[in-house]
Structures are given as C-alpha cells and as structure tokens.
Amino acid sequence: MTRHMIEAGKPATKLKSEALAVLLERGLVHQCTDIEALDQTLSQGPITAYAGFDATAASLHVGHLMPLMTMRWLQKLGHRPIVVLGGGTSQIGDPSFRKDARPMLEERQIAANIATIRRSVERLVDMEGEDGALLVDNAEWLNEFRFLEFLRDYGSQFTVNRMMTFDSVKSRLDAQMPLTVLEFCYMMLQAVDFLELAKRYDCSLQVGGSDQWGNIVNGVELGRRDGRKLHGLTVPLLTTASGAKMGKTAAGAVWLHPEHLSPFGFWQFWRNTADADVAKCLRLFTELPMSEIERLAALEGAELNEAKKILATQVTAIVHGPEEARGALQQGDALFSGEGEILEPTHSLPLKTLAEGLGLLELVVAVGFASSNGEARRLVEGGGVRLNNQIVDDPRRRIATGDLQANDRLSISVGKRRKALIGFE
C-alpha cells in the first residue's frame, strides 16, 4: 500500500473536499493510504471516521489531542466521529515503537481508566443528536471471540512476512528486544476493530498517530479483502521546532483530565510555549481562523506573549470548558504580573517519587520551566529558581518529604512569572 507523506498546507493536487483541505491547512495530516481516493470519498457526502484510544492510563495526554482535534474538525465539517475506547486491546497494550512490553492491566483498572477518559473525550466531540459522535468499547466484540475461531477467521488474512515489514515491529526486533506473540497479535486486533466498525457503522476512515501506520494499513487491507473501500490517515508526531518530542516532561505526560493536571497547570503549559512553536500550536490546537493565526504568529517580542495567552486560553477552553479557561487566564494574569499566588496544585506527582529520589533539575523540567536538565542547571546556578519561596542555587539538590509544606505540597518558581504548585499523593 502506498504511503503518501504530506507536508502541512501543501496537498499534492487540488482538493475537492473541504474537510481534507482544512486538515491539511491546520497541519493535521502526516500520512494517508491514498489521499486522492480519500478526497473523493469525503467530497461525496458525510462519512464516519474513527480514532481509537487504549485505556492504559487514567487520562489521555496532549499527544492524543492531535487525533481528537482531527475528529473534532471532521465533525464540524459534517462527518460523524467514532471514538473507540479500547477495553479489549488495553488487555494487551500496543507494542508500537516500544522497547518493552506494557504492564498487564486488570479489567477493573481498565474500566476505571475508560470512565475518566470518557469524560475528557465528551468535551472534545459533540455527543448530542442522531448524528452525534459515538463512544464504543472494542471489548464489545473482541471479548466475544474464541481463540480458535479468531485464528480461523482472521489468522489466515495476515502473514508474518508482511507484519514484520512494519516499522513498529522492526524497531523492537532491530533493538534485539523480545516481542511476545501476544503483542505481535495486537495489530490483528486493531485491524479487526476497523472491519467491525465498517460492518456496524459504515465507518470508512481510521485516524491515528504516526506510530499507528502499520496497524491502520492492516485494517485497510483486511477491509479490502472483505470488499470494502477503507482509508487510513495519520497525524504527525507532536514535536517542537527543535525536533524534540512535545507534551511530555520528566514527571510524565501533560494530562487532559483535571484530576491529573489542573486546568491552570494545563493553561500554564501552553502559556510557556516556545516562541517558535506558537503558530504551529495555534493551527493544531485551536479553532481560530487562519487569518487570525497568521496575525498572532507575526507578533514579536513582548506582544508574542499575548498570542501565547490566547493559545493557552483557547486550548484550555476546548479541553476543560470556557469557565475553567477564564479562571486560568485570570490566575495567569495575576501570576505573570507578580501579584498572585497559586491556590490549587498545578501538577500532581506520586509521593513515592520522593522516596525514589527526585532531583531539583528533574522537577524544573517536569513542570515545564526548562526543556532539559542543562537548561535547568543554568537557571539554578543563576539563582533564578525558588523552592518554597527560597532561592536554591545547588543543582545537586534533592527533594525530600521534609521539603513538603501543608497538604503535601511544594511550590517552585522561576523568576516572578513562572510558578507551579505540586501536590504529592
């Protein structure tokens, strides 16, 4: 199957469908199984598209916003989204581009994770009306298969030779790391998901991250053997202008659920976006008109900070709601003017992190005040970092339980405008 690599805003040919044109303009398309065929399908009327998310954690993170914003745009432009929450596939865990196997989760934990993920997804796509978005759990059909039945019906549709050509598998084998039969079968399950959704809901497009390419292609090919014309589209990996992976810190991901990262902590992450990444993030994560994005991207110096505030407020409104976004903006204005204090934790870390040994440099990176330990070291040695309102200039400083204030909290700041309150649970 041909892999069409797409440069944002530069379609190979003149497009017929508004939806694909918008996705390309916003930078939400990386690969497509056949862009001309998808353009033709989208131009002929409403279609149903799906994106799947395994419940391997209790919250989605900002990397998941890429496919979710793609689904949001498709819905705004007349198409129907399906969000698949992987109660079935989460029992295995996608091995794509991982060096080791994911921890096995009990069904009770998966169910709890799905419940919290559902609340985030429901803010991003409209569930109302007959044509509203659907949330489905692939355990509904995957749990019904018997082993021999599955092998008989689907095992013959895949070859090991073909499956081993995909980068997601090759990366593990090239690193000489074990890949279990259980993990190897994951892409078969995802392919079956696509075919099952095509049968049940006439779903013809799967959207996923760039690491999902092999899994998506398998689904498209399985559908073709069943006489169906299916399409696959991947979104780009979320990176900064420097090429570094964006949306993760030393303490973990930037979560979408407020129990794992407060709305203000989420707002502050976007407010601290690097200058070079502002225009890209405005395209990807807001619904502002492109003319307004171009105006904001042209700002320089102190004026660019206003664009960052708009970015932070717009994304927070989409993920957490307008009221939380307004509150975060107000608190941000107070903090960035040096006149306010944080009242609720902006970040949450496990208490065991302190027992395992948490370095000051790691913490500075974890809250997004530096992009690397080297940058954090320079801030600390320059006397710019305060821990519980006290300057700390020793880069070897370790954080211990004795540093915690009331309610197991810890404050850290860089200068007058960048402040965080970490809660340890």
Protein backbone atom coordinates (compact mmCIF):
# COMPACT_ATOMS: atom_id res chain seq x y z
CA MET A 1 0.00 0.00 0.00
CA THR A 2 1.32 3.43 -0.94
CA ARG A 3 2.37 5.72 1.88
CA HIS A 4 1.59 9.32 0.96
CA MET A 5 3.71 11.63 3.12
CA ILE A 6 2.05 15.03 3.42
CA GLU A 7 3.61 18.42 4.07
CA ALA A 8 1.25 20.67 6.03
CA GLY A 9 -0.68 23.04 3.83
CA LYS A 10 0.63 21.54 0.56
CA PRO A 11 -1.75 18.96 -0.94
CA ALA A 12 -0.44 17.04 -3.93
CA THR A 13 -3.40 18.03 -6.10
CA LYS A 14 -6.33 20.42 -5.95
CA LEU A 15 -8.74 19.04 -3.37
CA LYS A 16 -12.48 18.53 -3.75
CA SER A 17 -13.36 18.13 -0.07
CA GLU A 18 -13.39 20.98 2.42
CA ALA A 19 -12.60 18.61 5.30
CA LEU A 20 -9.32 17.36 3.86
CA ALA A 21 -8.33 20.89 2.83
CA VAL A 22 -8.88 22.13 6.40
CA LEU A 23 -6.95 19.23 7.95
CA LEU A 24 -4.01 19.87 5.64
CA GLU A 25 -4.10 23.61 6.28
CA ARG A 26 -4.07 23.04 10.04
CA GLY A 27 -1.14 20.60 9.78
CA LEU A 28 -3.12 17.59 10.97
CA VAL A 29 -2.18 15.20 8.15
CA HIS A 30 1.08 13.24 8.05
CA GLN A 31 0.38 10.07 6.08
CA CYS A 32 -2.55 8.83 4.03
CA THR A 33 -3.15 5.48 2.38
CA ASP A 34 -4.45 7.17 -0.78
CA ILE A 35 -5.08 10.88 -0.49
CA GLU A 36 -6.86 11.24 -3.85
CA ALA A 37 -9.25 8.39 -3.01
CA LEU A 38 -9.92 9.81 0.47
CA ASP A 39 -10.54 13.26 -1.02
CA GLN A 40 -13.05 11.74 -3.44
CA THR A 41 -14.83 9.86 -0.63
CA LEU A 42 -15.03 12.93 1.62
CA SER A 43 -16.37 15.07 -1.23
CA GLN A 44 -19.27 12.71 -1.94
CA GLY A 45 -21.04 13.30 1.36
CA PRO A 46 -20.79 12.64 5.10
CA ILE A 47 -18.66 9.69 6.17
CA THR A 48 -17.98 8.02 9.51
CA ALA A 49 -14.42 8.09 10.84
CA TYR A 50 -12.88 6.64 13.97
CA ALA A 51 -9.91 7.08 16.26
CA GLY A 52 -9.07 4.59 18.99
CA PHE A 53 -7.50 5.10 22.41
CA ASP A 54 -6.37 2.33 24.71
CA ALA A 55 -7.10 2.78 28.41
CA THR A 56 -3.57 2.08 29.58
CA ALA A 57 -3.63 5.19 31.81
CA ALA A 58 -6.34 7.05 33.70
CA SER A 59 -6.14 10.05 31.39
CA LEU A 60 -5.28 10.95 27.81
CA HIS A 61 -2.44 13.42 27.26
CA VAL A 62 -1.72 16.28 24.86
CA GLY A 63 -0.34 13.91 22.23
CA HIS A 64 -3.85 12.45 21.96
CA LEU A 65 -5.19 15.91 21.15
CA MET A 66 -3.86 15.55 17.59
CA PRO A 67 -6.25 12.76 16.50
CA LEU A 68 -9.01 14.20 18.71
CA MET A 69 -8.77 17.62 17.05
CA THR A 70 -8.85 15.84 13.69
CA MET A 71 -12.09 14.13 14.71
CA ARG A 72 -13.43 17.45 16.02
CA TRP A 73 -12.78 19.17 12.68
CA LEU A 74 -14.32 16.29 10.73
CA GLN A 75 -17.46 16.60 12.84
CA LYS A 76 -17.61 20.38 12.43
CA LEU A 77 -17.48 19.84 8.66
CA GLY A 78 -20.37 17.39 8.55
CA HIS A 79 -18.81 13.97 9.20
CA ARG A 80 -19.51 11.60 12.08
CA PRO A 81 -16.77 10.60 14.53
CA ILE A 82 -16.49 7.39 16.49
CA VAL A 83 -14.13 7.28 19.45
CA VAL A 84 -13.16 3.72 20.34
CA LEU A 85 -12.07 3.19 23.93
CA GLY A 86 -10.01 0.01 23.92
CA GLY A 87 -11.38 -2.11 26.70
CA GLY A 88 -10.34 -5.13 24.66
CA THR A 89 -7.00 -4.05 23.19
CA SER A 90 -5.92 -2.50 26.51
CA GLN A 91 -5.68 -6.03 27.86
CA ILE A 92 -2.65 -6.44 25.58
CA GLY A 93 -1.26 -2.94 25.03
CA ASP A 94 0.06 -1.63 21.72
CA PRO A 95 3.77 -2.56 21.34
CA SER A 96 4.36 0.00 18.56
CA PHE A 97 7.87 1.50 18.83
CA ARG A 98 8.21 0.43 22.47
CA LYS A 99 11.36 -1.26 23.75
CA ASP A 100 9.49 -3.37 26.28
CA ALA A 101 6.03 -4.76 26.92
CA ARG A 102 3.37 -2.66 28.60
CA PRO A 103 2.35 -3.77 32.09
CA MET A 104 -0.70 -6.02 32.07
CA LEU A 105 -3.79 -4.32 33.48
CA GLU A 106 -6.70 -5.94 35.27
CA GLU A 107 -10.13 -5.46 33.72
CA ARG A 108 -11.23 -3.44 36.79
CA GLN A 109 -8.41 -0.92 36.21
CA ILE A 110 -9.17 -0.72 32.50
CA ALA A 111 -12.84 0.01 33.28
CA ALA A 112 -11.86 2.77 35.72
CA ASN A 113 -9.49 4.30 33.14
CA ILE A 114 -12.20 4.23 30.48
CA ALA A 115 -14.58 6.09 32.78
CA THR A 116 -12.18 9.02 33.26
CA ILE A 117 -11.06 9.08 29.63
CA ARG A 118 -14.69 9.20 28.54
CA ARG A 119 -15.21 12.48 30.42
CA SER A 120 -12.36 14.14 28.51
CA VAL A 121 -13.49 12.83 25.14
CA GLU A 122 -17.05 14.07 25.67
CA ARG A 123 -15.73 17.64 25.83
CA LEU A 124 -13.93 17.34 22.52
CA VAL A 125 -16.63 15.83 20.31
CA ASP A 126 -20.36 16.53 20.29
CA MET A 127 -22.36 13.55 21.50
CA GLU A 128 -25.82 15.12 21.01
CA GLY A 129 -28.36 14.29 18.34
CA GLU A 130 -28.90 11.39 15.97
CA ASP A 131 -25.67 12.19 14.14
CA GLY A 132 -23.68 12.83 17.33
CA ALA A 133 -20.33 11.21 17.95
CA LEU A 134 -20.31 7.64 19.21
CA LEU A 135 -18.20 6.25 22.03
CA VAL A 136 -17.76 2.50 21.79
CA ASP A 137 -15.66 -0.09 23.60
CA ASN A 138 -13.94 -2.71 21.43
CA ALA A 139 -14.31 -5.23 24.25
CA GLU A 140 -17.88 -5.46 22.96
CA TRP A 141 -16.70 -7.66 20.09
CA LEU A 142 -13.12 -8.66 20.94
CA ASN A 143 -14.14 -10.31 24.21
CA GLU A 144 -16.63 -12.44 22.31
CA PHE A 145 -14.03 -14.19 20.16
CA ARG A 146 -12.89 -17.69 20.97
CA PHE A 147 -9.23 -18.34 20.26
CA LEU A 148 -9.61 -20.99 17.54
CA GLU A 149 -12.49 -19.08 15.98
CA PHE A 150 -10.37 -15.93 15.76
CA LEU A 151 -7.42 -17.79 14.22
CA ARG A 152 -9.67 -19.48 11.69
CA ASP A 153 -11.50 -16.31 10.63
CA TYR A 154 -8.65 -13.80 10.74
CA GLY A 155 -5.31 -15.56 11.21
CA SER A 156 -5.31 -16.62 7.59
CA GLN A 157 -5.74 -12.98 6.50
CA PHE A 158 -2.32 -11.90 7.81
CA THR A 159 1.19 -13.10 7.00
CA VAL A 160 4.12 -12.89 9.38
CA ASN A 161 6.26 -11.76 6.45
CA ARG A 162 4.06 -8.70 5.89
CA MET A 163 3.66 -7.89 9.58
CA MET A 164 7.43 -7.89 10.12
CA THR A 165 7.92 -5.19 7.48
CA PHE A 166 6.19 -2.52 9.58
CA ASP A 167 8.45 -0.11 11.43
CA SER A 168 6.61 -0.61 14.71
CA VAL A 169 7.69 -4.27 14.76
CA LYS A 170 11.10 -3.82 13.15
CA SER A 171 12.15 -1.26 15.76
CA ARG A 172 11.72 -3.82 18.55
CA LEU A 173 13.48 -6.59 16.62
CA ASP A 174 16.33 -4.31 15.50
CA ALA A 175 16.91 -3.42 19.16
CA GLN A 176 17.10 -7.18 19.85
CA MET A 177 14.34 -6.84 22.42
CA PRO A 178 11.76 -9.62 22.88
CA LEU A 179 8.38 -9.26 21.19
CA THR A 180 5.80 -11.67 22.56
CA VAL A 181 3.22 -13.44 20.43
CA LEU A 182 0.60 -11.58 22.49
CA GLU A 183 1.99 -8.18 21.44
CA PHE A 184 2.59 -9.33 17.87
CA CYS A 185 -1.13 -10.08 17.55
CA TYR A 186 -2.11 -6.54 18.58
CA MET A 187 -2.13 -5.22 15.02
CA MET A 188 -4.50 -8.03 14.06
CA LEU A 189 -6.92 -6.91 16.75
CA GLN A 190 -6.81 -3.29 15.61
CA ALA A 191 -7.41 -4.39 12.02
CA VAL A 192 -10.44 -6.38 13.18
CA ASP A 193 -11.68 -3.26 15.01
CA PHE A 194 -11.70 -1.32 11.73
CA LEU A 195 -13.55 -4.07 9.88
CA GLU A 196 -16.06 -4.47 12.70
CA LEU A 197 -16.75 -0.71 12.75
CA ALA A 198 -17.16 -0.75 8.98
CA LYS A 199 -19.75 -3.51 9.29
CA ARG A 200 -21.63 -1.98 12.23
CA TYR A 201 -21.49 1.75 11.45
CA ASP A 202 -20.31 2.02 7.83
CA CYS A 203 -17.05 3.52 9.12
CA SER A 204 -14.61 4.13 6.25
CA LEU A 205 -11.73 6.14 7.77
CA GLN A 206 -9.35 5.47 10.63
CA VAL A 207 -7.33 8.32 12.15
CA GLY A 208 -4.32 7.66 14.37
CA GLY A 209 -0.87 8.75 15.39
CA SER A 210 2.06 8.24 13.06
CA ASP A 211 3.14 5.23 15.15
CA GLN A 212 -0.15 3.57 14.15
CA TRP A 213 0.61 3.42 10.44
CA GLY A 214 1.22 -0.33 10.27
CA ASN A 215 -1.87 -1.12 12.34
CA ILE A 216 -4.04 1.15 10.18
CA VAL A 217 -2.74 -0.32 6.92
CA ASN A 218 -3.56 -3.81 8.15
CA GLY A 219 -7.15 -2.70 8.78
CA VAL A 220 -7.45 -1.11 5.34
CA GLU A 221 -6.15 -4.29 3.69
CA LEU A 222 -8.44 -6.52 5.77
CA GLY A 223 -11.39 -4.39 4.69
CA ARG A 224 -10.37 -4.68 1.05
CA ARG A 225 -10.42 -8.48 1.31
CA ASP A 226 -13.97 -8.13 2.62
CA GLY A 227 -14.90 -6.00 -0.39
CA ARG A 228 -14.80 -2.65 1.45
CA LYS A 229 -13.04 0.56 0.47
CA LEU A 230 -11.40 1.88 3.64
CA HIS A 231 -8.98 4.73 4.22
CA GLY A 232 -6.24 5.47 6.74
CA LEU A 233 -4.82 8.80 7.87
CA THR A 234 -2.17 9.56 10.46
CA VAL A 235 -1.42 12.79 12.28
CA PRO A 236 2.16 13.99 12.79
CA LEU A 237 4.20 13.27 15.88
CA LEU A 238 3.88 16.25 18.20
CA THR A 239 7.31 17.90 18.26
CA THR A 240 8.79 21.31 18.97
CA ALA A 241 10.53 23.45 16.36
CA SER A 242 13.82 21.95 17.56
CA GLY A 243 12.56 18.44 16.83
CA ALA A 244 12.14 17.37 20.47
CA LYS A 245 9.04 15.43 21.46
CA MET A 246 6.44 17.82 22.87
CA GLY A 247 3.91 17.24 25.61
CA LYS A 248 5.94 15.11 27.98
CA THR A 249 8.03 16.11 30.96
CA ALA A 250 10.42 14.29 33.24
CA ALA A 251 7.46 13.58 35.53
CA GLY A 252 5.32 12.20 32.71
CA ALA A 253 2.71 13.38 30.25
CA VAL A 254 0.73 16.62 30.22
CA TRP A 255 -2.63 15.12 31.08
CA LEU A 256 -6.06 16.17 29.82
CA HIS A 257 -8.03 15.10 32.89
CA PRO A 258 -8.21 17.74 35.67
CA GLU A 259 -7.56 15.16 38.40
CA HIS A 260 -4.12 14.54 36.92
CA LEU A 261 -3.25 18.10 35.88
CA SER A 262 -5.25 21.11 37.00
CA PRO A 263 -6.83 23.37 34.36
CA PHE A 264 -4.42 26.11 35.42
CA GLY A 265 -1.44 23.75 35.14
CA PHE A 266 -2.69 22.84 31.67
CA TRP A 267 -3.12 26.54 30.79
CA GLN A 268 0.35 27.32 32.08
CA PHE A 269 1.90 24.58 29.91
CA TRP A 270 0.57 26.31 26.79
CA ARG A 271 1.41 29.80 28.10
CA ASN A 272 5.05 28.65 28.31
CA THR A 273 5.11 27.50 24.68
CA ALA A 274 8.40 28.36 22.96
CA ASP A 275 8.20 31.36 20.62
CA ALA A 276 8.99 29.21 17.57
CA ASP A 277 6.10 26.84 18.30
CA VAL A 278 3.28 29.35 18.84
CA ALA A 279 2.00 29.46 15.24
CA LYS A 280 2.11 25.66 14.91
CA CYS A 281 0.21 25.13 18.16
CA LEU A 282 -2.41 27.73 17.22
CA ARG A 283 -3.05 25.82 13.98
CA LEU A 284 -3.17 22.40 15.61
CA PHE A 285 -4.99 23.02 18.87
CA THR A 286 -7.33 25.97 18.38
CA GLU A 287 -10.25 26.71 16.06
CA LEU A 288 -9.22 30.30 15.39
CA PRO A 289 -9.46 31.38 11.73
CA MET A 290 -6.20 31.04 9.82
CA SER A 291 -6.16 34.81 9.19
CA GLU A 292 -6.14 35.42 12.97
CA ILE A 293 -3.46 32.79 13.48
CA GLU A 294 -1.28 34.48 10.87
CA ARG A 295 -1.76 37.82 12.63
CA LEU A 296 -0.82 36.37 16.01
CA ALA A 297 2.15 34.48 14.57
CA ALA A 298 3.54 37.73 13.16
CA LEU A 299 3.77 39.31 16.63
CA GLU A 300 7.22 39.72 18.14
CA GLY A 301 8.83 40.38 21.49
CA ALA A 302 6.50 41.11 24.40
CA GLU A 303 3.48 41.17 22.07
CA LEU A 304 4.03 37.46 21.33
CA ASN A 305 3.17 36.76 24.97
CA GLU A 306 -0.38 37.88 24.19
CA ALA A 307 -0.52 35.25 21.46
CA LYS A 308 0.63 32.66 24.00
CA LYS A 309 -2.14 33.68 26.38
CA ILE A 310 -4.69 33.37 23.59
CA LEU A 311 -3.29 29.93 22.69
CA ALA A 312 -3.41 28.77 26.31
CA THR A 313 -6.94 30.05 26.87
CA GLN A 314 -8.31 28.64 23.62
CA VAL A 315 -6.88 25.14 24.18
CA THR A 316 -7.96 25.11 27.83
CA ALA A 317 -11.50 26.09 26.81
CA ILE A 318 -11.66 23.18 24.36
CA VAL A 319 -10.32 20.63 26.84
CA HIS A 320 -11.72 21.89 30.17
CA GLY A 321 -14.52 24.28 29.20
CA PRO A 322 -14.81 28.09 28.87
CA GLU A 323 -15.35 28.73 32.59
CA GLU A 324 -12.17 26.91 33.62
CA ALA A 325 -10.30 28.69 30.84
CA ARG A 326 -11.42 32.11 32.07
CA GLY A 327 -10.39 31.21 35.62
CA ALA A 328 -6.98 30.02 34.43
CA LEU A 329 -6.49 33.22 32.43
CA GLN A 330 -7.32 35.37 35.45
CA GLN A 331 -4.95 33.43 37.69
CA GLY A 332 -2.30 33.54 34.98
CA ASP A 333 -2.62 37.32 34.61
CA ALA A 334 -2.16 37.71 38.37
CA LEU A 335 0.83 35.38 38.49
CA PHE A 336 2.57 36.74 35.44
CA SER A 337 2.24 40.24 36.86
CA GLY A 338 3.93 39.00 40.02
CA GLU A 339 0.87 39.85 42.12
CA GLY A 340 -0.70 36.46 42.72
CA GLU A 341 -0.12 33.09 44.34
CA ILE A 342 -1.27 29.66 43.23
CA LEU A 343 -4.02 28.27 45.40
CA GLU A 344 -4.58 24.82 43.87
CA PRO A 345 -1.93 22.35 42.67
CA THR A 346 -0.94 22.76 39.02
CA HIS A 347 0.86 19.41 38.88
CA SER A 348 0.43 16.10 40.67
CA LEU A 349 3.18 13.54 41.38
CA PRO A 350 3.18 10.24 43.27
CA LEU A 351 4.52 10.56 46.81
CA LYS A 352 6.81 7.61 46.09
CA THR A 353 8.69 9.88 43.66
CA LEU A 354 10.36 11.49 46.67
CA ALA A 355 11.37 8.15 48.15
CA GLU A 356 12.89 7.15 44.81
CA GLY A 357 14.87 10.39 44.71
CA LEU A 358 13.66 13.50 42.89
CA GLY A 359 16.32 15.93 41.77
CA LEU A 360 15.72 19.66 41.63
CA LEU A 361 16.73 19.74 37.95
CA GLU A 362 14.24 16.97 37.16
CA LEU A 363 11.50 18.93 38.92
CA VAL A 364 12.25 22.13 37.00
CA VAL A 365 11.96 20.17 33.73
CA ALA A 366 8.88 18.28 34.95
CA VAL A 367 6.84 21.46 35.46
CA GLY A 368 7.89 22.81 32.06
CA PHE A 369 10.22 25.60 33.21
CA ALA A 370 13.14 24.12 31.24
CA SER A 371 13.36 21.80 28.28
CA SER A 372 16.43 19.91 29.51
CA ASN A 373 18.50 19.29 32.63
CA GLY A 374 21.22 21.51 31.15
CA GLU A 375 18.85 24.45 30.84
CA ALA A 376 17.52 23.76 34.35
CA ARG A 377 21.09 23.72 35.71
CA ARG A 378 21.77 27.17 34.26
CA LEU A 379 18.59 28.53 35.85
CA VAL A 380 19.51 27.06 39.25
CA GLU A 381 23.12 28.20 39.18
CA GLY A 382 21.98 31.66 38.14
CA GLY A 383 19.84 31.95 41.27
CA GLY A 384 16.59 32.06 39.35
CA VAL A 385 14.87 29.08 40.97
CA ARG A 386 12.93 29.26 44.22
CA LEU A 387 11.73 26.25 46.19
CA ASN A 388 9.01 27.13 48.70
CA ASN A 389 9.89 30.80 48.10
CA GLN A 390 13.57 30.23 48.98
CA ILE A 391 16.33 30.59 46.36
CA VAL A 392 18.08 27.27 45.68
CA ASP A 393 21.35 27.50 43.77
CA ASP A 394 22.69 23.96 44.19
CA PRO A 395 21.94 21.89 41.05
CA ARG A 396 22.62 18.69 43.02
CA ARG A 397 19.79 19.42 45.43
CA ARG A 398 17.42 16.51 46.03
CA ILE A 399 13.79 16.94 47.04
CA ALA A 400 12.68 15.00 50.13
CA THR A 401 9.48 14.63 52.15
CA GLY A 402 10.88 17.19 54.60
CA ASP A 403 10.54 19.84 51.89
CA LEU A 404 6.77 19.41 51.69
CA GLN A 405 4.51 22.12 53.01
CA ALA A 406 0.96 21.70 54.31
CA ASN A 407 -1.19 19.14 52.47
CA ASP A 408 1.91 17.54 50.94
CA ARG A 409 2.52 20.42 48.55
CA LEU A 410 5.64 22.03 47.19
CA SER A 411 5.97 25.36 45.37
CA ILE A 412 8.59 26.10 42.75
CA SER A 413 9.13 29.21 40.67
CA VAL A 414 11.49 30.67 38.11
CA GLY A 415 11.56 34.45 38.26
CA LYS A 416 8.36 36.29 39.11
CA ARG A 417 6.16 34.91 36.35
CA ARG A 418 6.64 31.16 36.21
CA LYS A 419 5.18 29.42 39.25
CA ALA A 420 3.91 25.94 39.97
CA LEU A 421 2.37 24.20 42.96
CA ILE A 422 2.99 20.46 43.03
CA GLY A 423 0.77 18.13 45.02
CA PHE A 424 2.17 14.74 46.08
CA GLU A 425 -0.29 11.89 46.53
